[in-house]
Each structure stands twice: as structure tokens, then as C-alpha cells.
Amino acid sequence: MAFDLKEESQVKEFIENLGIEYRFGCFKEKKPEVCHLLGDFIESIKKDYTKAGKIYKSNCDDYNYGQSCYKFGTYKILGKGQQSVDRDVAYDYFLKGCELGVSESCRNAGLMCMGSGPRAKSVKDFRKGLELLEKGCEKNNSFCCYYIGGVYIPGIKEENIERDMEKARKFSEKGCELGNVYACVNLSQMYRKGDGVTKNEELAEKYKKRAMELHDELVKQQQPLTFQQGNKPV
């Protein structure tokens, strides 16, 4: 049956049919990718966060579906869907999501190891945090690349993480290529000052221009900051 999505009644019918298809694919055919879609459907369309959280958890536990591990981790850290806030459980799910190839999970688990405040892991582990963020960068998460670069610019003396401008340049360069405005700013400043790299005004201007372009794009999109985006390097 073809639906006329300009008609409200047909839109409602289309949405209901979509939910039925997702339930069948998840519960009968046991397809993890469809179970995740069902969780998204219940979360975004039905606004039933309690049920969505249960589906994400089950899909992670039973089928090792990385995106569901990541989503349930966010539920546990935010207390969403009547979940009790538990940073350690959230970290475990983010860690599993990272191991299953989800870069956002690597980012969150890494930040929890390195961060401070109510969303930090109970016991900090900067080395583990860098390892997880590097995994996220390898999977082309621009924030992970930027964050690592930002850590190596000053280093973390109390954690015996030495200042390493070669690593700072490498990770910042990839972060900039992937579209992170702050990574481009860091690169521009490095080349303008000759800080750990050969001073180069042409490259400084190149990365400054790229940072300004990315900033303008963000302003146009008017993207709200998430808690992950709001973290800055220590």
C-alpha cells in the first residue's frame, strides 16, 4: 500500500505499521539491528523512555549490539527512563560499546576515565582514558582526536604524561580533517607560534580559515552542546 504522507491519518497509519514491523523483526526474527531501531522508535515516537531503555539494555546484553550498549550507557549516566544514575554501570556499557566498534562509546568511556565532576568514573585512569579516546580517534571520531591532541600540548605532569607536540600535531591534524573546529584552532596556533612544529604562517592561516569555516557551519546549524561536546582537555 502506498501512503500519502501529506495526509495526517495516513502518516499515523504509516508510523503504527513501522512500529509493528520493528517489533516483528526484533522479537520474532531476533535481528539486533531491528531491535535497536525499535528502541529508537519507542524513544523518539512513543516517548516511552523506560521501555526504550529496557530494549537497549537487552539488545546489548543478549546480542552484543554496540549502538545499544552506547545508548543504554547514556540512560544510566543521565538517569533517563527511570534508570538510577550509576556511573560505573554506565562506564561498563560505554566500554562494551567501544569494544564493539562504536566511537561515541569510546569517547564517553575515555572522558569518564579522565574527567571530573558528577559524570566522571569513580576512579580516574588517565592512561586508560587516552587508550579509549585513541580508539575513538581511529574510528574517526573528531572529538576524540581533538581531545587527545589537547592533552599532549601541555601534558599532565601529575600523571607522568609528557608534553608531546608531535602527537599533539598528529591528533589535532586528524581532528581538523574530520571537522573539529577546536583541533583546527590548536593547529593554527602551533604553526603561528612554531610551538613543537616549524613556524609556518601559511599553514597557520590555512587552519585558521578552516576553523572559521567550521565555526560558521556550526552557527548555521545551531547545534546544542551535549555533555560530551562541552568537555575540554584537562
Protein backbone atom coordinates (compact mmCIF):
# COMPACT_ATOMS: atom_id res chain seq x y z
CA MET A 1 0.00 0.00 0.00
CA ALA A 2 1.31 3.45 -0.94
CA PHE A 3 0.95 6.12 1.71
CA ASP A 4 0.22 9.79 1.09
CA LEU A 5 2.41 11.32 3.77
CA LYS A 6 0.67 14.67 3.31
CA GLU A 7 -2.43 13.16 4.89
CA GLU A 8 -2.31 13.12 8.71
CA SER A 9 -4.33 9.91 9.03
CA GLN A 10 -2.02 8.09 6.64
CA VAL A 11 1.05 9.37 8.43
CA LYS A 12 -0.29 7.90 11.68
CA GLU A 13 -1.02 4.59 9.95
CA PHE A 14 2.46 4.53 8.42
CA ILE A 15 4.06 5.12 11.84
CA GLU A 16 1.99 2.40 13.50
CA ASN A 17 2.89 -0.07 10.75
CA LEU A 18 6.54 0.83 11.17
CA GLY A 19 6.33 0.01 14.87
CA ILE A 20 4.71 -3.34 14.09
CA GLU A 21 7.47 -4.17 11.60
CA TYR A 22 10.18 -3.31 14.11
CA ARG A 23 8.55 -5.43 16.82
CA PHE A 24 8.28 -8.40 14.46
CA GLY A 25 11.90 -8.02 13.31
CA CYS A 26 13.13 -7.78 16.88
CA PHE A 27 11.02 -10.23 18.86
CA LYS A 28 10.25 -12.83 16.18
CA GLU A 29 13.20 -12.65 13.82
CA LYS A 30 15.61 -11.63 16.61
CA LYS A 31 17.55 -9.17 14.45
CA PRO A 32 19.69 -6.93 16.72
CA GLU A 33 19.80 -4.04 14.24
CA VAL A 34 15.99 -4.04 14.15
CA CYS A 35 15.81 -4.23 17.95
CA HIS A 36 17.90 -1.07 18.09
CA LEU A 37 15.57 0.61 15.60
CA LEU A 38 12.66 -0.45 17.79
CA GLY A 39 14.34 1.19 20.77
CA ASP A 40 14.82 4.38 18.76
CA PHE A 41 11.19 4.22 17.60
CA ILE A 42 9.86 3.84 21.14
CA GLU A 43 12.19 6.56 22.40
CA SER A 44 11.55 9.17 19.70
CA ILE A 45 7.98 8.45 18.58
CA LYS A 46 6.32 6.90 21.62
CA LYS A 47 8.39 8.85 24.18
CA ASP A 48 8.43 5.76 26.39
CA TYR A 49 11.97 6.04 27.74
CA THR A 50 11.53 3.26 30.30
CA LYS A 51 10.64 0.71 27.64
CA ALA A 52 13.27 2.04 25.22
CA GLY A 53 15.96 1.71 27.90
CA LYS A 54 14.99 -1.91 28.53
CA ILE A 55 15.23 -2.70 24.83
CA TYR A 56 18.66 -1.06 24.51
CA LYS A 57 19.92 -2.96 27.56
CA SER A 58 18.61 -6.30 26.35
CA ASN A 59 19.97 -5.76 22.84
CA CYS A 60 23.40 -5.01 24.27
CA ASP A 61 23.39 -7.85 26.80
CA ASP A 62 21.84 -10.52 24.57
CA TYR A 63 23.07 -9.61 21.07
CA ASN A 64 26.21 -7.51 21.72
CA TYR A 65 24.89 -4.67 19.58
CA GLY A 66 27.30 -1.79 20.14
CA GLN A 67 24.96 1.12 19.45
CA SER A 68 22.50 -0.24 22.02
CA CYS A 69 25.31 -0.52 24.59
CA TYR A 70 26.13 3.13 23.95
CA LYS A 71 22.50 4.22 24.26
CA PHE A 72 21.95 2.30 27.50
CA GLY A 73 25.15 3.80 28.88
CA THR A 74 23.69 7.27 28.30
CA TYR A 75 20.48 6.21 30.07
CA LYS A 76 22.47 5.12 33.13
CA ILE A 77 24.62 8.21 33.31
CA LEU A 78 21.69 10.60 32.85
CA GLY A 79 19.10 8.67 34.85
CA LYS A 80 16.85 8.52 31.81
CA GLY A 81 13.84 6.22 31.55
CA GLN A 82 13.54 5.83 35.33
CA GLN A 83 17.04 4.37 35.43
CA SER A 84 19.00 5.03 38.60
CA VAL A 85 22.15 7.03 37.88
CA ASP A 86 25.15 4.72 38.11
CA ARG A 87 28.44 5.96 36.68
CA ASP A 88 30.20 2.60 36.97
CA VAL A 89 27.44 0.72 35.15
CA ALA A 90 27.33 3.47 32.52
CA TYR A 91 31.08 3.13 32.06
CA ASP A 92 30.80 -0.66 31.65
CA TYR A 93 28.24 -0.21 28.85
CA PHE A 94 30.27 2.53 27.17
CA LEU A 95 33.35 0.31 27.38
CA LYS A 96 31.49 -2.60 25.80
CA GLY A 97 30.14 -0.32 23.08
CA CYS A 98 33.68 0.86 22.39
CA GLU A 99 34.97 -2.70 22.15
CA LEU A 100 32.15 -3.36 19.67
CA GLY A 101 33.30 -0.50 17.46
CA VAL A 102 31.15 2.48 18.44
CA SER A 103 33.33 5.59 18.51
CA GLU A 104 30.90 7.59 20.66
CA SER A 105 31.19 4.90 23.31
CA CYS A 106 34.98 5.18 23.20
CA ARG A 107 34.64 8.94 23.62
CA ASN A 108 32.34 8.72 26.63
CA ALA A 109 34.28 5.94 28.35
CA GLY A 110 37.54 7.81 27.76
CA LEU A 111 36.17 11.07 29.12
CA MET A 112 34.80 9.30 32.18
CA CYS A 113 38.28 7.92 32.91
CA MET A 114 39.88 11.34 32.56
CA GLY A 115 37.18 13.75 33.63
CA SER A 116 35.94 15.36 36.81
CA GLY A 117 32.52 16.15 38.24
CA PRO A 118 29.39 14.03 38.60
CA ARG A 119 29.82 12.20 35.29
CA ALA A 120 33.40 11.07 35.88
CA LYS A 121 34.30 7.49 36.65
CA SER A 122 34.67 6.76 40.37
CA VAL A 123 38.42 6.21 39.99
CA LYS A 124 40.30 8.20 37.36
CA ASP A 125 42.59 6.34 34.98
CA PHE A 126 44.24 8.78 32.57
CA ARG A 127 46.19 6.12 30.71
CA LYS A 128 43.07 4.06 30.07
CA GLY A 129 41.25 7.23 29.09
CA LEU A 130 43.84 8.07 26.45
CA GLU A 131 43.73 4.48 25.17
CA LEU A 132 39.94 4.64 24.75
CA LEU A 133 40.00 8.08 23.17
CA GLU A 134 42.65 6.88 20.74
CA LYS A 135 40.35 4.01 19.74
CA GLY A 136 37.63 6.56 19.10
CA CYS A 137 40.01 8.65 17.01
CA GLU A 138 40.99 5.57 15.00
CA LYS A 139 37.28 5.17 14.26
CA ASN A 140 37.20 8.79 13.00
CA ASN A 141 35.58 10.45 15.98
CA SER A 142 36.77 14.05 15.57
CA PHE A 143 36.25 14.97 19.22
CA CYS A 144 38.46 12.10 20.40
CA CYS A 145 41.26 13.22 18.08
CA TYR A 146 40.95 16.84 19.23
CA TYR A 147 40.86 15.90 22.91
CA ILE A 148 43.99 13.75 22.75
CA GLY A 149 45.83 16.48 20.87
CA GLY A 150 44.77 18.95 23.54
CA VAL A 151 46.10 16.67 26.29
CA TYR A 152 49.54 16.33 24.71
CA ILE A 153 50.05 20.08 24.19
CA PRO A 154 50.71 20.69 27.91
CA GLY A 155 50.93 17.07 29.08
CA ILE A 156 49.68 16.02 32.52
CA LYS A 157 52.63 16.25 34.86
CA GLU A 158 50.98 14.62 37.88
CA GLU A 159 50.07 11.59 35.72
CA ASN A 160 53.51 11.36 34.09
CA ILE A 161 52.01 12.08 30.67
CA GLU A 162 54.72 14.09 28.96
CA ARG A 163 54.14 17.05 26.68
CA ASP A 164 54.46 15.62 23.16
CA MET A 165 53.98 18.12 20.36
CA GLU A 166 54.44 15.51 17.63
CA LYS A 167 51.45 13.57 18.97
CA ALA A 168 49.59 16.85 19.55
CA ARG A 169 50.11 17.79 15.91
CA LYS A 170 49.19 14.34 14.59
CA PHE A 171 45.94 14.03 16.54
CA SER A 172 44.97 17.68 16.04
CA GLU A 173 45.57 17.33 12.31
CA LYS A 174 43.25 14.35 12.06
CA GLY A 175 40.64 16.05 14.25
CA CYS A 176 40.72 19.10 12.00
CA GLU A 177 40.43 16.96 8.87
CA LEU A 178 37.37 15.31 10.45
CA GLY A 179 35.79 18.70 11.09
CA ASN A 180 36.57 19.62 14.70
CA VAL A 181 36.89 23.39 14.95
CA TYR A 182 38.98 23.32 18.14
CA ALA A 183 41.54 20.96 16.59
CA CYS A 184 41.95 23.40 13.70
CA VAL A 185 42.42 26.29 16.16
CA ASN A 186 45.11 24.35 18.03
CA LEU A 187 46.92 23.58 14.78
CA SER A 188 46.77 27.19 13.67
CA GLN A 189 48.28 28.34 16.96
CA MET A 190 51.03 25.71 16.80
CA TYR A 191 52.15 26.84 13.35
CA ARG A 192 51.80 30.54 14.13
CA LYS A 193 53.99 30.25 17.25
CA GLY A 194 56.27 27.49 15.99
CA ASP A 195 55.26 25.52 19.07
CA GLY A 196 56.60 22.00 18.55
CA VAL A 197 56.47 22.44 14.77
CA THR A 198 58.34 24.56 12.26
CA LYS A 199 56.82 28.02 12.28
CA ASN A 200 54.70 28.42 9.15
CA GLU A 201 52.40 31.42 8.63
CA GLU A 202 50.85 29.87 5.53
CA LEU A 203 49.73 26.75 7.42
CA ALA A 204 48.65 28.89 10.38
CA GLU A 205 46.33 30.86 8.08
CA LYS A 206 45.12 27.69 6.37
CA TYR A 207 43.98 26.12 9.64
CA LYS A 208 42.60 29.41 10.94
CA LYS A 209 40.47 29.71 7.80
CA ARG A 210 39.28 26.13 8.19
CA ALA A 211 38.37 26.78 11.84
CA MET A 212 36.35 29.85 10.85
CA GLU A 213 34.52 27.88 8.14
CA LEU A 214 33.63 25.12 10.60
CA HIS A 215 32.52 27.67 13.18
CA ASP A 216 30.21 29.34 10.65
CA GLU A 217 28.74 25.95 9.74
CA LEU A 218 28.04 25.21 13.43
CA VAL A 219 26.35 28.57 13.91
CA LYS A 220 24.12 27.93 10.90
CA GLN A 221 23.17 24.50 12.19
CA GLN A 222 22.58 25.94 15.69
CA GLN A 223 23.58 22.63 17.23
CA PRO A 224 23.07 22.49 21.01
CA LEU A 225 26.03 21.33 23.10
CA THR A 226 25.82 17.86 24.62
CA PHE A 227 27.65 16.95 27.79
CA GLN A 228 30.28 15.19 25.70
CA GLN A 229 30.90 18.19 23.46
CA GLY A 230 31.18 20.50 26.42
CA ASN A 231 34.25 18.79 27.89
CA LYS A 232 37.58 20.46 27.26
CA PRO A 233 41.04 18.88 27.59
CA VAL A 234 42.39 18.74 31.13
